[in-house]
Amino acid sequence: MKKIHTILLVIIIFALVILGTVFVLNLKQKQEQELEIENDKKEQMQLEKDELENIKLNYETQVKVLVNQFLESDKLIARDNYNEKISNINSTINDLLDLRLTAEYKKLHLDLVVALDMAKRGYEAFLSQEDQDGRELISEYENELVDILDEYQWLIKK
């Protein structure tokens, strides 16, 4: 009987050791999985950060080119060639709206589009013989453009 108790005790101890080992191995595996998930998240965040930085740099380059192309083209168009000026504005607005941007440049982007739209409406007013409205809108556009270029001096080609 004592021998049976001893055997049972050994079996129970052996089973407990096996269960403990399985538990520890499962715990270790779970920790490794959590660490792997955390590393994947960090890697994903770095990729997103890198992608945002690329979007930002591309936007800065592209918007600078667009603004300078617009300004150069606008200088070459006769002051009273309203249709040509409107066409230049529409082209620039469409190109601006195609750009990807980060939240950092939303204000600049909106300000540029609104200012250009203001100029467009001004030239359309001139075409409709509403000279006073046209002058006011063009004046507002010019003031807004000066403010934008003062705030974002890097936009001007150097």
Foldseek 3Di string as FASTA:
>chain_A
DVVVVVVVVVVVVVVVVVVVVVVVVVVVVVVVVVVVVVVVVVVVVVVVVVVQVVLAVVLLVQLLVLVQVLVVQVVVDPPLPLVSNLVSLVVSLVSLVPGDHDPVCPVLSVLSNVLSVLQNVLSVCVVVVVNVSNVVSPVVSVVSVVVSCVVVVSSHDD
